[in-house]
Amino acid sequence: MNESRFPVLPALDGPVPTTDGLHRVHVQHGSGAWLKRRTDRPAAFLLAEADGLERLRVGGGLRTPCVLGLDAHSLLLEDLGHARRCTDFAELAGRGLARQHRQRHECFGLERSGWCGESFQDNTPDSDGHRFFAQRRLLPQARRALEGGRIEPADMDGIERLCARLHDLVPAQPAVLLHGDLWTGNLHCAGDGRPALIDAAAVHYGWAEADLSMLVLFGDPGPGLFEAYAENVPLDRNWRERVPLYNLYHLLNHLNLYGSAYLGAVRSVLRRFVARS
């Protein structure tokens, strides 16, 4: 990762915030911006987000906030504004994600690690998507949950058996550029009413269906998004049947971060995809 390709923090009007969090600030002789400050994480935390935003921008999909400045504990971002969604918001989002997912790579993962929310995300590249999803996504979260007493050995056994069956459950797909944490809150409505992507520390190359699946985990992106997507990039008609499987990663992550409220959802996925022994 090359931090030097991002600008240093410019001078701000008023004092620089010293507490962790997201702060509305004004750049000296410039416009408003957002300053994300995190002293409780390594420098790689904010660098991963800056890098992810830049990759998405270059990918030509949806708009992302420009990185205005970066140091070890602060990330200054363009303020995209916020407004009511334009009438074709969902369709624009679908077409933008389709453009993003046309960016392919020979390997799954990325040359740098990232963060999914507050959780470290190992992106060590792998040419096998099924092995990558098992060893870099499901199993690390499952082991963390087991060690933390969030799941029982029987749950761990189910996750391991699911991982062994991934080749049967998930069709072969290319590695494409993913946002990686694409819940509806990260599909932002900018000041012009059009869609944009924010919070990009989980960007990597993976299965397109996994990105789309998270859009329905905690909400609904609105009618027309998936139809517009499928008009621009082929989408398997049975992809929705695999949505809970892809979202198991995020359910395990939320179980580890926020507690037992997510255990029932994890076990529901295991009951659906893993036969009892």
Protein backbone atom coordinates (compact mmCIF):
# COMPACT_ATOMS: atom_id res chain seq x y z
CA MET A 1 0.00 0.00 0.00
CA ASN A 2 1.37 3.38 -0.97
CA GLU A 3 0.14 6.07 1.40
CA SER A 4 2.10 8.76 -0.43
CA ARG A 5 -0.33 8.75 -3.36
CA PHE A 6 -2.94 10.39 -1.13
CA PRO A 7 -2.68 14.08 -0.17
CA VAL A 8 -1.63 15.13 3.30
CA LEU A 9 -4.28 16.68 5.53
CA PRO A 10 -4.87 20.30 4.48
CA ALA A 11 -5.35 23.12 6.95
CA LEU A 12 -8.82 23.34 8.44
CA ASP A 13 -10.89 26.28 9.58
CA GLY A 14 -10.92 25.97 13.34
CA PRO A 15 -9.30 23.37 15.58
CA VAL A 16 -8.65 19.86 14.31
CA PRO A 17 -10.89 17.35 16.13
CA THR A 18 -8.97 15.12 18.52
CA THR A 19 -11.69 12.63 19.47
CA ASP A 20 -12.38 9.48 17.51
CA GLY A 21 -15.42 9.54 15.25
CA LEU A 22 -16.84 11.31 12.19
CA HIS A 23 -16.62 15.10 12.31
CA ARG A 24 -18.04 17.76 10.01
CA VAL A 25 -15.24 20.23 9.25
CA HIS A 26 -14.37 22.96 6.79
CA VAL A 27 -11.19 23.04 4.76
CA GLN A 28 -9.39 26.37 5.01
CA HIS A 29 -10.39 28.52 2.02
CA GLY A 30 -12.50 25.60 0.80
CA SER A 31 -15.73 23.72 1.29
CA GLY A 32 -17.13 21.44 3.96
CA ALA A 33 -15.78 17.95 4.38
CA TRP A 34 -15.94 14.94 6.69
CA LEU A 35 -13.03 14.02 8.93
CA LYS A 36 -12.91 10.42 10.11
CA ARG A 37 -10.54 10.06 13.05
CA ARG A 38 -9.50 6.71 14.56
CA THR A 39 -6.69 6.49 17.08
CA ASP A 40 -7.89 3.07 18.26
CA ARG A 41 -6.93 1.35 15.01
CA PRO A 42 -3.63 0.94 13.13
CA ALA A 43 -2.83 3.29 10.28
CA ALA A 44 -3.78 0.51 7.85
CA PHE A 45 -7.43 0.93 8.92
CA LEU A 46 -7.97 4.33 7.30
CA LEU A 47 -5.50 3.61 4.52
CA ALA A 48 -7.64 0.61 3.52
CA GLU A 49 -10.67 2.87 3.19
CA ALA A 50 -8.79 5.47 1.15
CA ASP A 51 -7.42 2.74 -1.09
CA GLY A 52 -10.85 1.14 -1.48
CA LEU A 53 -12.49 4.42 -2.45
CA GLU A 54 -9.80 5.03 -5.05
CA ARG A 55 -10.21 1.53 -6.52
CA LEU A 56 -13.97 1.99 -6.80
CA ARG A 57 -13.50 5.39 -8.45
CA VAL A 58 -11.09 3.98 -11.01
CA GLY A 59 -13.45 1.04 -11.53
CA GLY A 60 -15.95 3.45 -13.09
CA GLY A 61 -19.04 2.28 -11.25
CA LEU A 62 -20.73 4.63 -8.80
CA ARG A 63 -19.47 7.91 -7.43
CA THR A 64 -17.30 7.84 -4.29
CA PRO A 65 -16.11 10.70 -2.07
CA CYS A 66 -12.69 12.07 -3.02
CA VAL A 67 -9.90 11.57 -0.51
CA LEU A 68 -8.83 15.10 0.49
CA GLY A 69 -6.21 14.12 3.04
CA LEU A 70 -4.82 11.18 5.00
CA ASP A 71 -2.50 10.53 7.89
CA ALA A 72 -2.06 7.70 10.39
CA HIS A 73 -5.24 8.44 12.31
CA SER A 74 -7.30 10.83 10.15
CA LEU A 75 -9.05 10.56 6.80
CA LEU A 76 -10.54 13.69 5.22
CA LEU A 77 -13.28 13.04 2.69
CA GLU A 78 -15.32 15.08 0.27
CA ASP A 79 -18.82 15.82 1.51
CA LEU A 80 -21.15 14.33 -1.09
CA GLY A 81 -24.19 15.89 0.53
CA HIS A 82 -27.46 14.13 1.12
CA ALA A 83 -30.83 14.56 -0.55
CA ARG A 84 -34.01 12.75 -1.46
CA ARG A 85 -33.50 9.94 -3.93
CA CYS A 86 -34.08 10.76 -7.56
CA THR A 87 -36.83 8.79 -9.25
CA ASP A 88 -34.41 6.43 -11.03
CA PHE A 89 -32.04 5.98 -8.05
CA ALA A 90 -32.37 2.18 -7.97
CA GLU A 91 -31.83 1.81 -11.70
CA LEU A 92 -28.76 4.08 -11.62
CA ALA A 93 -27.38 2.05 -8.71
CA GLY A 94 -27.93 -1.21 -10.56
CA ARG A 95 -26.19 0.01 -13.70
CA GLY A 96 -23.32 1.48 -11.68
CA LEU A 97 -22.73 -1.76 -9.76
CA ALA A 98 -22.81 -3.66 -13.04
CA ARG A 99 -20.04 -1.41 -14.41
CA GLN A 100 -18.04 -1.97 -11.24
CA HIS A 101 -18.46 -5.73 -11.45
CA ARG A 102 -17.08 -5.76 -14.99
CA GLN A 103 -13.65 -5.10 -13.45
CA ARG A 104 -12.12 -8.57 -13.19
CA HIS A 105 -8.96 -10.03 -11.69
CA GLU A 106 -7.23 -13.38 -12.00
CA CYS A 107 -7.29 -13.88 -8.21
CA PHE A 108 -9.78 -13.46 -5.41
CA GLY A 109 -8.79 -11.11 -2.61
CA LEU A 110 -6.37 -8.20 -2.85
CA GLU A 111 -2.69 -7.43 -2.34
CA ARG A 112 -3.58 -5.66 0.91
CA SER A 113 -5.79 -6.63 3.82
CA GLY A 114 -8.85 -4.61 4.77
CA TRP A 115 -11.62 -4.17 7.31
CA CYS A 116 -15.28 -5.12 7.23
CA GLY A 117 -16.79 -2.72 9.71
CA GLU A 118 -14.58 -3.02 12.78
CA SER A 119 -13.26 -6.47 11.86
CA PHE A 120 -9.93 -7.20 10.21
CA GLN A 121 -10.37 -8.84 6.81
CA ASP A 122 -7.65 -11.08 5.39
CA ASN A 123 -7.48 -10.59 1.62
CA THR A 124 -4.55 -12.89 0.83
CA PRO A 125 -5.07 -13.65 -2.89
CA ASP A 126 -6.23 -17.08 -4.05
CA SER A 127 -7.05 -18.31 -7.55
CA ASP A 128 -9.87 -20.51 -6.16
CA GLY A 129 -12.97 -18.54 -5.16
CA HIS A 130 -14.50 -21.34 -3.11
CA ARG A 131 -11.30 -21.82 -1.12
CA PHE A 132 -10.97 -18.06 -0.67
CA PHE A 133 -14.52 -17.70 0.69
CA ALA A 134 -13.99 -20.60 3.07
CA GLN A 135 -10.48 -19.82 4.32
CA ARG A 136 -10.50 -16.01 4.20
CA ARG A 137 -14.11 -15.29 5.09
CA LEU A 138 -16.23 -17.97 6.80
CA LEU A 139 -13.68 -19.94 8.81
CA PRO A 140 -11.82 -16.99 10.41
CA GLN A 141 -15.10 -15.48 11.62
CA ALA A 142 -16.33 -18.88 12.80
CA ARG A 143 -13.13 -19.57 14.76
CA ARG A 144 -13.34 -16.13 16.33
CA ALA A 145 -16.93 -16.81 17.35
CA LEU A 146 -16.05 -20.21 18.80
CA GLU A 147 -13.10 -18.84 20.76
CA GLY A 148 -15.28 -16.03 22.09
CA GLY A 149 -18.05 -18.39 23.17
CA ARG A 150 -20.47 -16.97 20.59
CA ILE A 151 -21.11 -20.33 18.92
CA GLU A 152 -20.90 -23.96 20.06
CA PRO A 153 -18.72 -26.76 18.64
CA ALA A 154 -21.76 -28.12 16.79
CA ASP A 155 -22.14 -24.78 15.00
CA MET A 156 -18.45 -24.82 14.09
CA ASP A 157 -18.85 -28.33 12.72
CA GLY A 158 -21.73 -27.14 10.57
CA ILE A 159 -19.74 -24.24 9.18
CA GLU A 160 -16.82 -26.53 8.36
CA ARG A 161 -19.13 -28.95 6.57
CA LEU A 162 -20.70 -26.07 4.65
CA CYS A 163 -17.24 -24.91 3.57
CA ALA A 164 -16.48 -28.42 2.32
CA ARG A 165 -19.61 -28.23 0.12
CA LEU A 166 -19.10 -24.77 -1.36
CA HIS A 167 -18.17 -26.18 -4.77
CA ASP A 168 -21.60 -27.84 -4.89
CA LEU A 169 -23.51 -24.85 -3.52
CA VAL A 170 -21.94 -21.96 -5.45
CA PRO A 171 -21.43 -22.03 -9.23
CA ALA A 172 -18.09 -20.96 -10.66
CA GLN A 173 -17.86 -17.18 -10.96
CA PRO A 174 -15.05 -14.77 -11.90
CA ALA A 175 -13.33 -12.54 -9.37
CA VAL A 176 -14.75 -9.03 -9.80
CA LEU A 177 -14.29 -5.75 -7.95
CA LEU A 178 -16.52 -5.72 -4.85
CA HIS A 179 -17.40 -3.04 -2.35
CA GLY A 180 -17.37 -5.85 0.21
CA ASP A 181 -19.63 -4.23 2.84
CA LEU A 182 -22.54 -3.30 0.59
CA TRP A 183 -25.47 -2.94 2.97
CA THR A 184 -28.04 -0.32 2.05
CA GLY A 185 -26.48 2.24 4.42
CA ASN A 186 -23.32 2.26 2.31
CA LEU A 187 -25.35 2.88 -0.85
CA HIS A 188 -25.49 6.60 -0.18
CA CYS A 189 -27.85 9.11 -1.75
CA ALA A 190 -25.71 12.16 -2.61
CA GLY A 191 -26.81 15.78 -2.73
CA ASP A 192 -27.92 15.45 -6.34
CA GLY A 193 -30.21 12.53 -5.47
CA ARG A 194 -28.02 10.01 -7.25
CA PRO A 195 -26.34 6.90 -5.74
CA ALA A 196 -22.78 6.82 -4.41
CA LEU A 197 -20.68 4.38 -2.40
CA ILE A 198 -19.11 5.12 0.98
CA ASP A 199 -17.16 3.19 3.66
CA ALA A 200 -14.95 1.18 1.33
CA ALA A 201 -12.37 -0.49 3.61
CA ALA A 202 -13.66 -3.95 2.64
CA VAL A 203 -13.03 -3.60 -1.12
CA HIS A 204 -11.56 -6.71 -2.75
CA TYR A 205 -12.09 -9.06 -5.70
CA GLY A 206 -14.72 -11.71 -5.12
CA TRP A 207 -18.08 -13.09 -6.24
CA ALA A 208 -20.49 -10.49 -7.61
CA GLU A 209 -23.42 -12.35 -6.06
CA ALA A 210 -21.89 -11.82 -2.62
CA ASP A 211 -21.93 -8.03 -3.09
CA LEU A 212 -25.54 -8.05 -4.28
CA SER A 213 -26.65 -10.35 -1.48
CA MET A 214 -25.68 -7.93 1.27
CA LEU A 215 -28.01 -5.32 -0.23
CA VAL A 216 -30.97 -7.38 1.04
CA LEU A 217 -29.50 -8.34 4.43
CA PHE A 218 -30.60 -5.28 6.41
CA GLY A 219 -33.05 -3.61 4.06
CA ASP A 220 -34.22 -3.31 0.48
CA PRO A 221 -32.41 -1.26 -2.17
CA GLY A 222 -35.69 -0.54 -3.94
CA PRO A 223 -37.42 -1.89 -7.03
CA GLY A 224 -35.47 -1.87 -10.23
CA LEU A 225 -31.90 -2.23 -8.95
CA PHE A 226 -31.43 -5.91 -9.68
CA GLU A 227 -33.36 -5.66 -12.94
CA ALA A 228 -31.13 -2.82 -14.13
CA TYR A 229 -28.07 -4.76 -13.04
CA ALA A 230 -29.14 -7.86 -14.97
CA GLU A 231 -29.70 -5.78 -18.10
CA ASN A 232 -26.00 -4.90 -18.06
CA VAL A 233 -24.29 -7.94 -16.52
CA PRO A 234 -25.65 -11.52 -16.66
CA LEU A 235 -27.23 -12.52 -13.33
CA ASP A 236 -28.07 -16.16 -12.66
CA ARG A 237 -31.82 -16.49 -12.16
CA ASN A 238 -31.23 -18.65 -9.07
CA TRP A 239 -28.82 -16.28 -7.34
CA ARG A 240 -31.32 -15.34 -4.63
CA GLU A 241 -31.33 -18.93 -3.39
CA ARG A 242 -27.68 -18.45 -2.41
CA VAL A 243 -28.17 -15.09 -0.67
CA PRO A 244 -28.22 -16.51 2.91
CA LEU A 245 -25.03 -18.47 2.22
CA TYR A 246 -23.10 -15.37 1.13
CA ASN A 247 -24.53 -13.36 4.01
CA LEU A 248 -23.38 -15.95 6.54
CA TYR A 249 -20.03 -14.14 6.55
CA HIS A 250 -21.65 -10.86 7.57
CA LEU A 251 -23.92 -12.57 10.11
CA LEU A 252 -20.88 -14.16 11.76
CA ASN A 253 -19.11 -10.80 11.72
CA HIS A 254 -22.09 -9.13 13.39
CA LEU A 255 -22.30 -11.97 15.89
CA ASN A 256 -18.68 -11.35 16.82
CA LEU A 257 -19.10 -7.58 16.97
CA TYR A 258 -22.54 -7.18 18.51
CA GLY A 259 -23.45 -10.43 20.25
CA SER A 260 -25.99 -13.21 20.43
CA ALA A 261 -28.84 -11.43 18.63
CA TYR A 262 -27.36 -12.80 15.39
CA LEU A 263 -26.92 -16.41 16.51
CA GLY A 264 -30.38 -17.48 15.41
CA ALA A 265 -29.79 -16.14 11.90
CA VAL A 266 -26.43 -17.97 11.71
CA ARG A 267 -28.04 -21.24 12.73
CA SER A 268 -30.91 -20.70 10.28
CA VAL A 269 -28.39 -20.57 7.42
CA LEU A 270 -26.70 -23.75 8.66
CA ARG A 271 -30.03 -25.57 8.88
CA ARG A 272 -30.79 -24.59 5.31
CA PHE A 273 -27.48 -25.54 3.71
CA VAL A 274 -26.00 -28.25 5.93
CA ALA A 275 -27.68 -31.61 6.44
CA ARG A 276 -27.59 -32.90 9.99
CA SER A 277 -25.10 -35.69 10.53
